[in-house]
Amino acid sequence: MIRRPLWFGAGMAAGVAGTVWAHRRVRRQLRRAVDAISPSAAGQVAKRTAREATARVQVAVEAARSERQRREAELWYRLGEVPPGSSAVPPVGLAGGSSPARSPRGSTGMAMRTSATRRSFPRAPRQHR
């Protein structure tokens, strides 16, 4: 009759081991959650977010500045004049044969949509029941 006490002891050992493992795991997860919502962690997230936002704004400002300069040079070229304080070289992409004022493409090189070029997609035929 040694089999019953053996299986009883094995079951108790497995239960204790499972309980200890679960207790440790819950405590570890709880510690991680508390660390994630602590004031220092929130401050670090705020700092990182502010740095990323600052970098994005700097990139956007630089892109806007360069686009403004390019567009101004294009407009001066369309007028046939040289902008004040610059050389007489036309902007890149405008030293070709076609007139930029009549070009069907915008500054991005993609076809511009106007009310005359707008197309509506045909509707699917209705199914009568």
C-alpha atoms as a PDB file:
ATOM      1  CA  MET A   1       0.000   0.000   0.000  1.00  0.00           C
ATOM      2  CA  ILE A   2       2.863   2.331  -0.576  1.00  0.00           C
ATOM      3  CA  ARG A   3       1.408   3.494  -3.894  1.00  0.00           C
ATOM      4  CA  ARG A   4      -1.304   5.696  -2.423  1.00  0.00           C
ATOM      5  CA  PRO A   5       0.994   7.695  -0.129  1.00  0.00           C
ATOM      6  CA  LEU A   6       3.498   7.989  -3.003  1.00  0.00           C
ATOM      7  CA  TRP A   7       0.932   9.505  -5.398  1.00  0.00           C
ATOM      8  CA  PHE A   8      -0.477  11.653  -2.617  1.00  0.00           C
ATOM      9  CA  GLY A   9       3.008  13.048  -1.898  1.00  0.00           C
ATOM     10  CA  ALA A  10       3.723  13.560  -5.608  1.00  0.00           C
ATOM     11  CA  GLY A  11       0.442  15.470  -6.001  1.00  0.00           C
ATOM     12  CA  MET A  12       1.198  17.636  -2.978  1.00  0.00           C
ATOM     13  CA  ALA A  13       4.684  18.414  -4.307  1.00  0.00           C
ATOM     14  CA  ALA A  14       3.297  19.311  -7.744  1.00  0.00           C
ATOM     15  CA  GLY A  15       0.663  21.554  -6.156  1.00  0.00           C
ATOM     16  CA  VAL A  16       3.193  23.349  -3.972  1.00  0.00           C
ATOM     17  CA  ALA A  17       5.601  23.789  -6.902  1.00  0.00           C
ATOM     18  CA  GLY A  18       2.814  25.157  -9.117  1.00  0.00           C
ATOM     19  CA  THR A  19       1.662  27.535  -6.427  1.00  0.00           C
ATOM     20  CA  VAL A  20       5.189  28.855  -5.804  1.00  0.00           C
ATOM     21  CA  TRP A  21       5.781  29.281  -9.545  1.00  0.00           C
ATOM     22  CA  ALA A  22       2.485  31.135 -10.020  1.00  0.00           C
ATOM     23  CA  HIS A  23       3.176  33.352  -6.992  1.00  0.00           C
ATOM     24  CA  ARG A  24       6.609  34.350  -8.330  1.00  0.00           C
ATOM     25  CA  ARG A  25       5.242  34.993 -11.806  1.00  0.00           C
ATOM     26  CA  VAL A  26       2.430  37.203 -10.513  1.00  0.00           C
ATOM     27  CA  ARG A  27       4.838  39.170  -8.323  1.00  0.00           C
ATOM     28  CA  ARG A  28       7.224  39.679 -11.281  1.00  0.00           C
ATOM     29  CA  GLN A  29       4.383  40.902 -13.515  1.00  0.00           C
ATOM     30  CA  LEU A  30       3.103  43.179 -10.777  1.00  0.00           C
ATOM     31  CA  ARG A  31       6.580  44.641 -10.252  1.00  0.00           C
ATOM     32  CA  ARG A  32       6.879  45.325 -14.010  1.00  0.00           C
ATOM     33  CA  ALA A  33       3.470  47.003 -14.078  1.00  0.00           C
ATOM     34  CA  VAL A  34       4.313  49.216 -11.109  1.00  0.00           C
ATOM     35  CA  ASP A  35       7.638  50.182 -12.697  1.00  0.00           C
ATOM     36  CA  ALA A  36       5.865  51.021 -15.967  1.00  0.00           C
ATOM     37  CA  ILE A  37       3.392  53.392 -14.303  1.00  0.00           C
ATOM     38  CA  SER A  38       5.817  54.962 -11.862  1.00  0.00           C
ATOM     39  CA  PRO A  39       6.447  58.717 -12.099  1.00  0.00           C
ATOM     40  CA  SER A  40      10.017  58.222 -13.298  1.00  0.00           C
ATOM     41  CA  ALA A  41       8.868  55.929 -16.113  1.00  0.00           C
ATOM     42  CA  ALA A  42       6.169  58.414 -17.091  1.00  0.00           C
ATOM     43  CA  GLY A  43       8.788  61.164 -17.140  1.00  0.00           C
ATOM     44  CA  GLN A  44      11.037  59.109 -19.385  1.00  0.00           C
ATOM     45  CA  VAL A  45       8.174  58.450 -21.799  1.00  0.00           C
ATOM     46  CA  ALA A  46       7.302  62.154 -21.820  1.00  0.00           C
ATOM     47  CA  LYS A  47      10.939  63.093 -22.521  1.00  0.00           C
ATOM     48  CA  ARG A  48      11.232  60.593 -25.351  1.00  0.00           C
ATOM     49  CA  THR A  49       7.932  61.742 -26.878  1.00  0.00           C
ATOM     50  CA  ALA A  50       8.989  65.389 -26.670  1.00  0.00           C
ATOM     51  CA  ARG A  51      12.317  64.629 -28.353  1.00  0.00           C
ATOM     52  CA  GLU A  52      10.616  62.711 -31.143  1.00  0.00           C
ATOM     53  CA  ALA A  53       8.054  65.490 -31.654  1.00  0.00           C
ATOM     54  CA  THR A  54      10.831  68.101 -31.742  1.00  0.00           C
ATOM     55  CA  ALA A  55      12.716  66.095 -34.347  1.00  0.00           C
ATOM     56  CA  ARG A  56       9.570  65.705 -36.475  1.00  0.00           C
ATOM     57  CA  VAL A  57       8.876  69.455 -36.275  1.00  0.00           C
ATOM     58  CA  GLN A  58      12.471  70.262 -37.273  1.00  0.00           C
ATOM     59  CA  VAL A  59      12.229  67.955 -40.294  1.00  0.00           C
ATOM     60  CA  ALA A  60       8.884  69.487 -41.286  1.00  0.00           C
ATOM     61  CA  VAL A  61      10.213  73.041 -40.957  1.00  0.00           C
ATOM     62  CA  GLU A  62      13.263  72.203 -43.068  1.00  0.00           C
ATOM     63  CA  ALA A  63      11.098  70.553 -45.736  1.00  0.00           C
ATOM     64  CA  ALA A  64       8.749  73.551 -45.779  1.00  0.00           C
ATOM     65  CA  ARG A  65      11.687  75.949 -46.055  1.00  0.00           C
ATOM     66  CA  SER A  66      13.240  74.114 -48.987  1.00  0.00           C
ATOM     67  CA  GLU A  67       9.859  73.727 -50.726  1.00  0.00           C
ATOM     68  CA  ARG A  68       9.162  77.437 -50.233  1.00  0.00           C
ATOM     69  CA  GLN A  69      12.510  78.335 -51.790  1.00  0.00           C
ATOM     70  CA  ARG A  70      11.921  75.967 -54.695  1.00  0.00           C
ATOM     71  CA  ARG A  71       8.416  77.292 -55.296  1.00  0.00           C
ATOM     72  CA  GLU A  72       9.577  80.894 -55.119  1.00  0.00           C
ATOM     73  CA  ALA A  73      12.286  80.206 -57.680  1.00  0.00           C
ATOM     74  CA  GLU A  74       9.687  78.515 -59.908  1.00  0.00           C
ATOM     75  CA  LEU A  75       7.385  81.524 -59.687  1.00  0.00           C
ATOM     76  CA  TRP A  76      10.230  83.923 -60.469  1.00  0.00           C
ATOM     77  CA  TYR A  77      11.097  81.748 -63.457  1.00  0.00           C
ATOM     78  CA  ARG A  78       7.491  81.829 -64.681  1.00  0.00           C
ATOM     79  CA  LEU A  79       7.559  85.601 -64.498  1.00  0.00           C
ATOM     80  CA  GLY A  80      10.699  85.549 -66.613  1.00  0.00           C
ATOM     81  CA  GLU A  81      12.670  87.447 -64.027  1.00  0.00           C
ATOM     82  CA  VAL A  82      15.628  86.679 -61.839  1.00  0.00           C
ATOM     83  CA  PRO A  83      14.862  86.657 -58.131  1.00  0.00           C
ATOM     84  CA  PRO A  84      16.664  89.344 -56.166  1.00  0.00           C
ATOM     85  CA  GLY A  85      19.961  88.173 -54.747  1.00  0.00           C
ATOM     86  CA  SER A  86      20.332  85.000 -56.826  1.00  0.00           C
ATOM     87  CA  SER A  87      21.965  83.828 -60.028  1.00  0.00           C
ATOM     88  CA  ALA A  88      20.153  83.539 -63.364  1.00  0.00           C
ATOM     89  CA  VAL A  89      19.986  79.725 -63.245  1.00  0.00           C
ATOM     90  CA  PRO A  90      16.410  78.408 -63.527  1.00  0.00           C
ATOM     91  CA  PRO A  91      15.247  75.953 -60.884  1.00  0.00           C
ATOM     92  CA  VAL A  92      15.791  72.234 -61.364  1.00  0.00           C
ATOM     93  CA  GLY A  93      13.154  70.632 -63.552  1.00  0.00           C
ATOM     94  CA  LEU A  94      12.117  73.856 -65.255  1.00  0.00           C
ATOM     95  CA  ALA A  95      14.932  74.222 -67.763  1.00  0.00           C
ATOM     96  CA  GLY A  96      13.106  72.074 -70.303  1.00  0.00           C
ATOM     97  CA  GLY A  97      11.050  72.709 -73.400  1.00  0.00           C
ATOM     98  CA  SER A  98       7.509  72.792 -72.019  1.00  0.00           C
ATOM     99  CA  SER A  99       6.140  75.796 -70.238  1.00  0.00           C
ATOM    100  CA  PRO A 100       5.720  75.187 -66.518  1.00  0.00           C
ATOM    101  CA  ALA A 101       2.534  77.281 -66.495  1.00  0.00           C
ATOM    102  CA  ARG A 102       0.854  74.833 -68.895  1.00  0.00           C
ATOM    103  CA  SER A 103       2.262  71.659 -67.411  1.00  0.00           C
ATOM    104  CA  PRO A 104      -0.445  69.133 -66.439  1.00  0.00           C
ATOM    105  CA  ARG A 105       1.704  68.021 -63.566  1.00  0.00           C
ATOM    106  CA  GLY A 106       2.170  69.753 -60.259  1.00  0.00           C
ATOM    107  CA  SER A 107       5.371  70.270 -58.305  1.00  0.00           C
ATOM    108  CA  THR A 108       5.311  66.639 -57.174  1.00  0.00           C
ATOM    109  CA  GLY A 109       5.377  65.334 -60.733  1.00  0.00           C
ATOM    110  CA  MET A 110       1.958  63.714 -60.366  1.00  0.00           C
ATOM    111  CA  ALA A 111      -0.975  64.629 -62.569  1.00  0.00           C
ATOM    112  CA  MET A 112      -3.116  67.301 -60.966  1.00  0.00           C
ATOM    113  CA  ARG A 113      -6.838  66.744 -60.586  1.00  0.00           C
ATOM    114  CA  THR A 114      -9.129  69.556 -61.625  1.00  0.00           C
ATOM    115  CA  SER A 115     -12.869  69.592 -62.063  1.00  0.00           C
ATOM    116  CA  ALA A 116     -12.366  68.974 -65.799  1.00  0.00           C
ATOM    117  CA  THR A 117     -10.180  65.909 -65.240  1.00  0.00           C
ATOM    118  CA  ARG A 118     -12.120  64.432 -62.330  1.00  0.00           C
ATOM    119  CA  ARG A 119     -13.638  61.100 -63.155  1.00  0.00           C
ATOM    120  CA  SER A 120     -16.304  59.379 -61.183  1.00  0.00           C
ATOM    121  CA  PHE A 121     -16.313  55.638 -61.013  1.00  0.00           C
ATOM    122  CA  PRO A 122     -19.413  53.970 -62.418  1.00  0.00           C
ATOM    123  CA  ARG A 123     -21.692  52.406 -59.890  1.00  0.00           C
ATOM    124  CA  ALA A 124     -22.184  48.696 -59.854  1.00  0.00           C
ATOM    125  CA  PRO A 125     -25.494  47.647 -61.345  1.00  0.00           C
ATOM    126  CA  ARG A 126     -28.209  47.161 -58.786  1.00  0.00           C
ATOM    127  CA  GLN A 127     -29.445  43.683 -58.274  1.00  0.00           C
ATOM    128  CA  HIS A 128     -33.203  43.353 -58.321  1.00  0.00           C
ATOM    129  CA  ARG A 129     -34.646  40.780 -55.996  1.00  0.00           C
END
